[in-house]
Each structure stands twice: as C-alpha cells, then as structure tokens.
Amino acid sequence: MIRQLINKDELPMKLLLLADPSETLIKSYIDRSICFVYIKREVIIGIIALIETRPKTIEIVNIAVDELNQHQGYGKQLLKFAINYAKSERFHTIEIGTGSLGVEQLMLYQACGFRMISIDKDFFVRNYEAPIMVKGQQLKDMVRLSQHI
C-alpha cells in the first residue's frame, strides 16, 4: 500500500538517508515536499518525495526502499505511483536526478520511461561536505532525467 505521509514528524529519516546521505540537505527540501510511503505489513519500507520545481514540472527529490526489500519491484512501484500522481495533478513533466555511478538506478529510471537530459558536473562535490564513495570511486556528477507525461 502506498499512502501520503501527512505528519512529517513520522519521517523515516533512515530511509531518506539511503538515497541522500546528508540529513542537512534532506531537511532543506523535505518540508516543501509531498511524501508518499510504501507500507508492507504495517511497516514503512519505502518513500518517495516530490517537489514542484517549475510550473507544470514536478521532481522526485528522494526515493528509497529499505535494504531488505530492494530488488523486489517496490522502487518501480513507487516510481509508477509518482508518475500517475503527477498525471492526476496535471503536471506535464516529471524529473529525477541521480548519481552518475548509480547504474542500477539509471536502468530503473529509464525502464520507467525517463530519458537522460543533462549532467550536473561536480554536483556532489559542491553540495556535500564529505566525499561520497561508490564501490571505491568518488561520486562527482549528477545525471538528470526527465519524462513528458
């Protein structure tokens, strides 16, 4: 079951930190977000946060599924839910950004209809105090993807 998270006091910060390792940055955008949680057996196992960035454009600013439930289709269900939500709210475009080293994420987003539109070079170097390491390599660039809906 996916439902809107009404009370932001219930934010599953551990989940949000899986997708964004900076609690400071999460707190800077989460209050402006519409959040939906995936509940399985009365436990929150996933979250997706959306922000209207421009007229008729909404961005997925955080999406995460707890580690025990990854690779089981819950992330794809959250993405499809967000796309349908955006359509129902009459947005024309939905966007998402992810690390350039996140091959699995890039494949998932493209499987859900997103297309790469740009690279924000050194995004993670500029916006995070500590280096983010992925399999021994420093993450530097963000890949931006978009879908017309």
C-alpha atoms as a PDB file:
ATOM      1  CA  MET A   1       0.000   0.000   0.000  1.00  0.00           C
ATOM      2  CA  ILE A   2       1.244   3.483  -0.862  1.00  0.00           C
ATOM      3  CA  ARG A   3      -0.162   6.443   1.035  1.00  0.00           C
ATOM      4  CA  GLN A   4       0.664  10.107   1.514  1.00  0.00           C
ATOM      5  CA  LEU A   5       2.701  10.916   4.595  1.00  0.00           C
ATOM      6  CA  ILE A   6       0.710  13.670   6.273  1.00  0.00           C
ATOM      7  CA  ASN A   7       2.623  14.133   9.502  1.00  0.00           C
ATOM      8  CA  LYS A   8       6.231  14.990   8.650  1.00  0.00           C
ATOM      9  CA  ASP A   9       7.164  14.121  12.244  1.00  0.00           C
ATOM     10  CA  GLU A  10       6.897  10.476  11.170  1.00  0.00           C
ATOM     11  CA  LEU A  11       9.592  10.892   8.516  1.00  0.00           C
ATOM     12  CA  PRO A  12      11.607   7.707   8.105  1.00  0.00           C
ATOM     13  CA  MET A  13      14.971   9.504   8.107  1.00  0.00           C
ATOM     14  CA  LYS A  14      16.926   6.232   7.846  1.00  0.00           C
ATOM     15  CA  LEU A  15      15.171   5.517   4.547  1.00  0.00           C
ATOM     16  CA  LEU A  16      15.695   9.043   3.215  1.00  0.00           C
ATOM     17  CA  LEU A  17      19.401   8.782   4.079  1.00  0.00           C
ATOM     18  CA  LEU A  18      19.727   5.715   1.827  1.00  0.00           C
ATOM     19  CA  ALA A  19      19.117   7.974  -1.180  1.00  0.00           C
ATOM     20  CA  ASP A  20      20.697  11.170   0.160  1.00  0.00           C
ATOM     21  CA  PRO A  21      23.491  10.858   2.732  1.00  0.00           C
ATOM     22  CA  SER A  22      23.072  14.419   4.053  1.00  0.00           C
ATOM     23  CA  GLU A  23      20.459  14.930   6.761  1.00  0.00           C
ATOM     24  CA  THR A  24      21.059  18.679   6.431  1.00  0.00           C
ATOM     25  CA  LEU A  25      20.157  18.636   2.731  1.00  0.00           C
ATOM     26  CA  ILE A  26      17.154  16.377   3.339  1.00  0.00           C
ATOM     27  CA  LYS A  27      15.839  18.824   5.929  1.00  0.00           C
ATOM     28  CA  SER A  28      16.314  21.681   3.434  1.00  0.00           C
ATOM     29  CA  TYR A  29      13.849  20.173   0.942  1.00  0.00           C
ATOM     30  CA  ILE A  30      11.611  17.756   2.814  1.00  0.00           C
ATOM     31  CA  ASP A  31       9.255  20.389   4.277  1.00  0.00           C
ATOM     32  CA  ARG A  32       8.468  21.577   0.728  1.00  0.00           C
ATOM     33  CA  SER A  33       7.890  18.019  -0.452  1.00  0.00           C
ATOM     34  CA  ILE A  34       4.854  15.840  -0.878  1.00  0.00           C
ATOM     35  CA  CYS A  35       5.887  12.483   0.554  1.00  0.00           C
ATOM     36  CA  PHE A  36       4.396   9.074  -0.058  1.00  0.00           C
ATOM     37  CA  VAL A  37       5.373   5.931   1.827  1.00  0.00           C
ATOM     38  CA  TYR A  38       5.170   2.292   0.830  1.00  0.00           C
ATOM     39  CA  ILE A  39       3.770   0.218   3.684  1.00  0.00           C
ATOM     40  CA  LYS A  40       4.191  -3.554   3.826  1.00  0.00           C
ATOM     41  CA  ARG A  41       2.746  -5.438   6.793  1.00  0.00           C
ATOM     42  CA  GLU A  42       2.259  -2.163   8.693  1.00  0.00           C
ATOM     43  CA  VAL A  43       5.948  -1.193   8.291  1.00  0.00           C
ATOM     44  CA  ILE A  44       7.248   1.634   6.094  1.00  0.00           C
ATOM     45  CA  ILE A  45       9.634   0.042   3.613  1.00  0.00           C
ATOM     46  CA  GLY A  46       9.856   2.808   1.011  1.00  0.00           C
ATOM     47  CA  ILE A  47       9.466   6.526   0.493  1.00  0.00           C
ATOM     48  CA  ILE A  48       9.261   8.952  -2.402  1.00  0.00           C
ATOM     49  CA  ALA A  49       9.373  12.750  -2.075  1.00  0.00           C
ATOM     50  CA  LEU A  50       8.179  15.143  -4.788  1.00  0.00           C
ATOM     51  CA  ILE A  51       8.570  18.903  -5.215  1.00  0.00           C
ATOM     52  CA  GLU A  52       7.020  21.208  -7.780  1.00  0.00           C
ATOM     53  CA  THR A  53      10.100  22.904  -9.238  1.00  0.00           C
ATOM     54  CA  ARG A  54       8.539  24.949 -12.043  1.00  0.00           C
ATOM     55  CA  PRO A  55       5.042  25.431 -13.382  1.00  0.00           C
ATOM     56  CA  LYS A  56       3.774  22.042 -14.602  1.00  0.00           C
ATOM     57  CA  THR A  57       7.048  20.327 -13.555  1.00  0.00           C
ATOM     58  CA  ILE A  58       7.494  18.080 -10.541  1.00  0.00           C
ATOM     59  CA  GLU A  59      10.744  16.478  -9.399  1.00  0.00           C
ATOM     60  CA  ILE A  60      11.398  13.316  -7.462  1.00  0.00           C
ATOM     61  CA  VAL A  61      13.908  14.578  -4.904  1.00  0.00           C
ATOM     62  CA  ASN A  62      14.228  11.375  -2.900  1.00  0.00           C
ATOM     63  CA  ILE A  63      13.251   7.760  -3.455  1.00  0.00           C
ATOM     64  CA  ALA A  64      14.368   4.881  -1.278  1.00  0.00           C
ATOM     65  CA  VAL A  65      13.446   1.322  -0.359  1.00  0.00           C
ATOM     66  CA  ASP A  66      14.911  -0.301   2.739  1.00  0.00           C
ATOM     67  CA  GLU A  67      17.777  -2.644   2.021  1.00  0.00           C
ATOM     68  CA  LEU A  68      15.886  -5.835   2.949  1.00  0.00           C
ATOM     69  CA  ASN A  69      13.189  -5.067   0.361  1.00  0.00           C
ATOM     70  CA  GLN A  70      15.320  -3.852  -2.536  1.00  0.00           C
ATOM     71  CA  HIS A  71      15.320  -5.657  -5.907  1.00  0.00           C
ATOM     72  CA  GLN A  72      11.717  -6.810  -5.408  1.00  0.00           C
ATOM     73  CA  GLY A  73       9.917  -4.195  -7.508  1.00  0.00           C
ATOM     74  CA  TYR A  74       8.934  -1.748  -4.751  1.00  0.00           C
ATOM     75  CA  GLY A  75      11.059   1.071  -6.152  1.00  0.00           C
ATOM     76  CA  LYS A  76       9.456   0.617  -9.566  1.00  0.00           C
ATOM     77  CA  GLN A  77       6.008   0.691  -7.954  1.00  0.00           C
ATOM     78  CA  LEU A  78       6.897   3.946  -6.159  1.00  0.00           C
ATOM     79  CA  LEU A  79       8.103   5.469  -9.439  1.00  0.00           C
ATOM     80  CA  LYS A  80       4.951   4.447 -11.301  1.00  0.00           C
ATOM     81  CA  PHE A  81       2.854   5.807  -8.430  1.00  0.00           C
ATOM     82  CA  ALA A  82       4.696   9.159  -8.655  1.00  0.00           C
ATOM     83  CA  ILE A  83       4.198   9.314 -12.424  1.00  0.00           C
ATOM     84  CA  ASN A  84       0.471   8.612 -12.036  1.00  0.00           C
ATOM     85  CA  TYR A  85       0.222  11.178  -9.235  1.00  0.00           C
ATOM     86  CA  ALA A  86       1.911  13.778 -11.451  1.00  0.00           C
ATOM     87  CA  LYS A  87      -0.508  13.000 -14.286  1.00  0.00           C
ATOM     88  CA  SER A  88      -3.517  13.255 -11.984  1.00  0.00           C
ATOM     89  CA  GLU A  89      -2.281  16.641 -10.735  1.00  0.00           C
ATOM     90  CA  ARG A  90      -1.898  17.804 -14.354  1.00  0.00           C
ATOM     91  CA  PHE A  91       1.881  18.151 -14.406  1.00  0.00           C
ATOM     92  CA  HIS A  92       3.461  17.927 -17.860  1.00  0.00           C
ATOM     93  CA  THR A  93       6.959  16.858 -16.827  1.00  0.00           C
ATOM     94  CA  ILE A  94       8.440  14.712 -14.085  1.00  0.00           C
ATOM     95  CA  GLU A  95      12.178  14.844 -13.388  1.00  0.00           C
ATOM     96  CA  ILE A  96      14.705  12.995 -11.274  1.00  0.00           C
ATOM     97  CA  GLY A  97      18.436  13.287 -10.627  1.00  0.00           C
ATOM     98  CA  THR A  98      20.798  10.525  -9.594  1.00  0.00           C
ATOM     99  CA  GLY A  99      24.479   9.891  -9.162  1.00  0.00           C
ATOM    100  CA  SER A 100      26.374   9.099 -12.334  1.00  0.00           C
ATOM    101  CA  LEU A 101      27.727   5.924 -10.724  1.00  0.00           C
ATOM    102  CA  GLY A 102      24.262   4.560  -9.894  1.00  0.00           C
ATOM    103  CA  VAL A 103      23.960   2.136 -12.810  1.00  0.00           C
ATOM    104  CA  GLU A 104      21.029   0.208 -11.275  1.00  0.00           C
ATOM    105  CA  GLN A 105      19.120   3.417 -10.587  1.00  0.00           C
ATOM    106  CA  LEU A 106      19.747   4.721 -14.099  1.00  0.00           C
ATOM    107  CA  MET A 107      18.465   1.463 -15.572  1.00  0.00           C
ATOM    108  CA  LEU A 108      15.355   1.534 -13.362  1.00  0.00           C
ATOM    109  CA  TYR A 109      14.507   5.145 -14.221  1.00  0.00           C
ATOM    110  CA  GLN A 110      14.924   4.506 -17.930  1.00  0.00           C
ATOM    111  CA  ALA A 111      12.790   1.346 -17.685  1.00  0.00           C
ATOM    112  CA  CYS A 112      10.061   3.589 -16.227  1.00  0.00           C
ATOM    113  CA  GLY A 113      10.231   5.971 -19.189  1.00  0.00           C
ATOM    114  CA  PHE A 114      12.729   8.601 -18.033  1.00  0.00           C
ATOM    115  CA  ARG A 115      15.325   9.876 -20.501  1.00  0.00           C
ATOM    116  CA  MET A 116      18.677  11.478 -19.717  1.00  0.00           C
ATOM    117  CA  ILE A 117      18.641  15.205 -20.356  1.00  0.00           C
ATOM    118  CA  SER A 118      21.813  16.586 -18.752  1.00  0.00           C
ATOM    119  CA  ILE A 119      24.753  16.103 -16.425  1.00  0.00           C
ATOM    120  CA  ASP A 120      25.333  18.443 -13.493  1.00  0.00           C
ATOM    121  CA  LYS A 121      29.115  18.203 -13.255  1.00  0.00           C
ATOM    122  CA  ASP A 122      30.588  18.177  -9.730  1.00  0.00           C
ATOM    123  CA  PHE A 123      27.104  18.384  -8.126  1.00  0.00           C
ATOM    124  CA  PHE A 124      28.096  16.051  -5.287  1.00  0.00           C
ATOM    125  CA  VAL A 125      31.439  17.783  -4.782  1.00  0.00           C
ATOM    126  CA  ARG A 126      29.745  21.205  -4.498  1.00  0.00           C
ATOM    127  CA  ASN A 127      26.814  20.155  -2.316  1.00  0.00           C
ATOM    128  CA  TYR A 128      28.219  17.600   0.131  1.00  0.00           C
ATOM    129  CA  GLU A 129      30.876  18.222   2.754  1.00  0.00           C
ATOM    130  CA  ALA A 130      32.315  14.707   2.703  1.00  0.00           C
ATOM    131  CA  PRO A 131      33.103  12.755  -0.442  1.00  0.00           C
ATOM    132  CA  ILE A 132      30.516  10.136  -1.399  1.00  0.00           C
ATOM    133  CA  MET A 133      32.206   6.900  -2.347  1.00  0.00           C
ATOM    134  CA  VAL A 134      30.588   4.259  -4.575  1.00  0.00           C
ATOM    135  CA  LYS A 135      32.499   0.989  -4.885  1.00  0.00           C
ATOM    136  CA  GLY A 136      35.785   2.787  -4.226  1.00  0.00           C
ATOM    137  CA  GLN A 137      35.154   5.668  -6.626  1.00  0.00           C
ATOM    138  CA  GLN A 138      34.204   9.212  -5.634  1.00  0.00           C
ATOM    139  CA  LEU A 139      30.787  10.273  -6.859  1.00  0.00           C
ATOM    140  CA  LYS A 140      31.004  13.683  -8.500  1.00  0.00           C
ATOM    141  CA  ASP A 141      28.324  14.166 -11.156  1.00  0.00           C
ATOM    142  CA  MET A 142      24.538  14.052 -11.139  1.00  0.00           C
ATOM    143  CA  VAL A 143      22.663  12.699 -14.153  1.00  0.00           C
ATOM    144  CA  ARG A 144      19.336  14.477 -14.722  1.00  0.00           C
ATOM    145  CA  LEU A 145      16.452  12.547 -16.284  1.00  0.00           C
ATOM    146  CA  SER A 146      13.031  13.693 -17.401  1.00  0.00           C
ATOM    147  CA  GLN A 147       9.763  12.316 -18.718  1.00  0.00           C
ATOM    148  CA  HIS A 148       6.984  14.127 -20.520  1.00  0.00           C
ATOM    149  CA  ILE A 149       3.653  12.912 -19.140  1.00  0.00           C
END
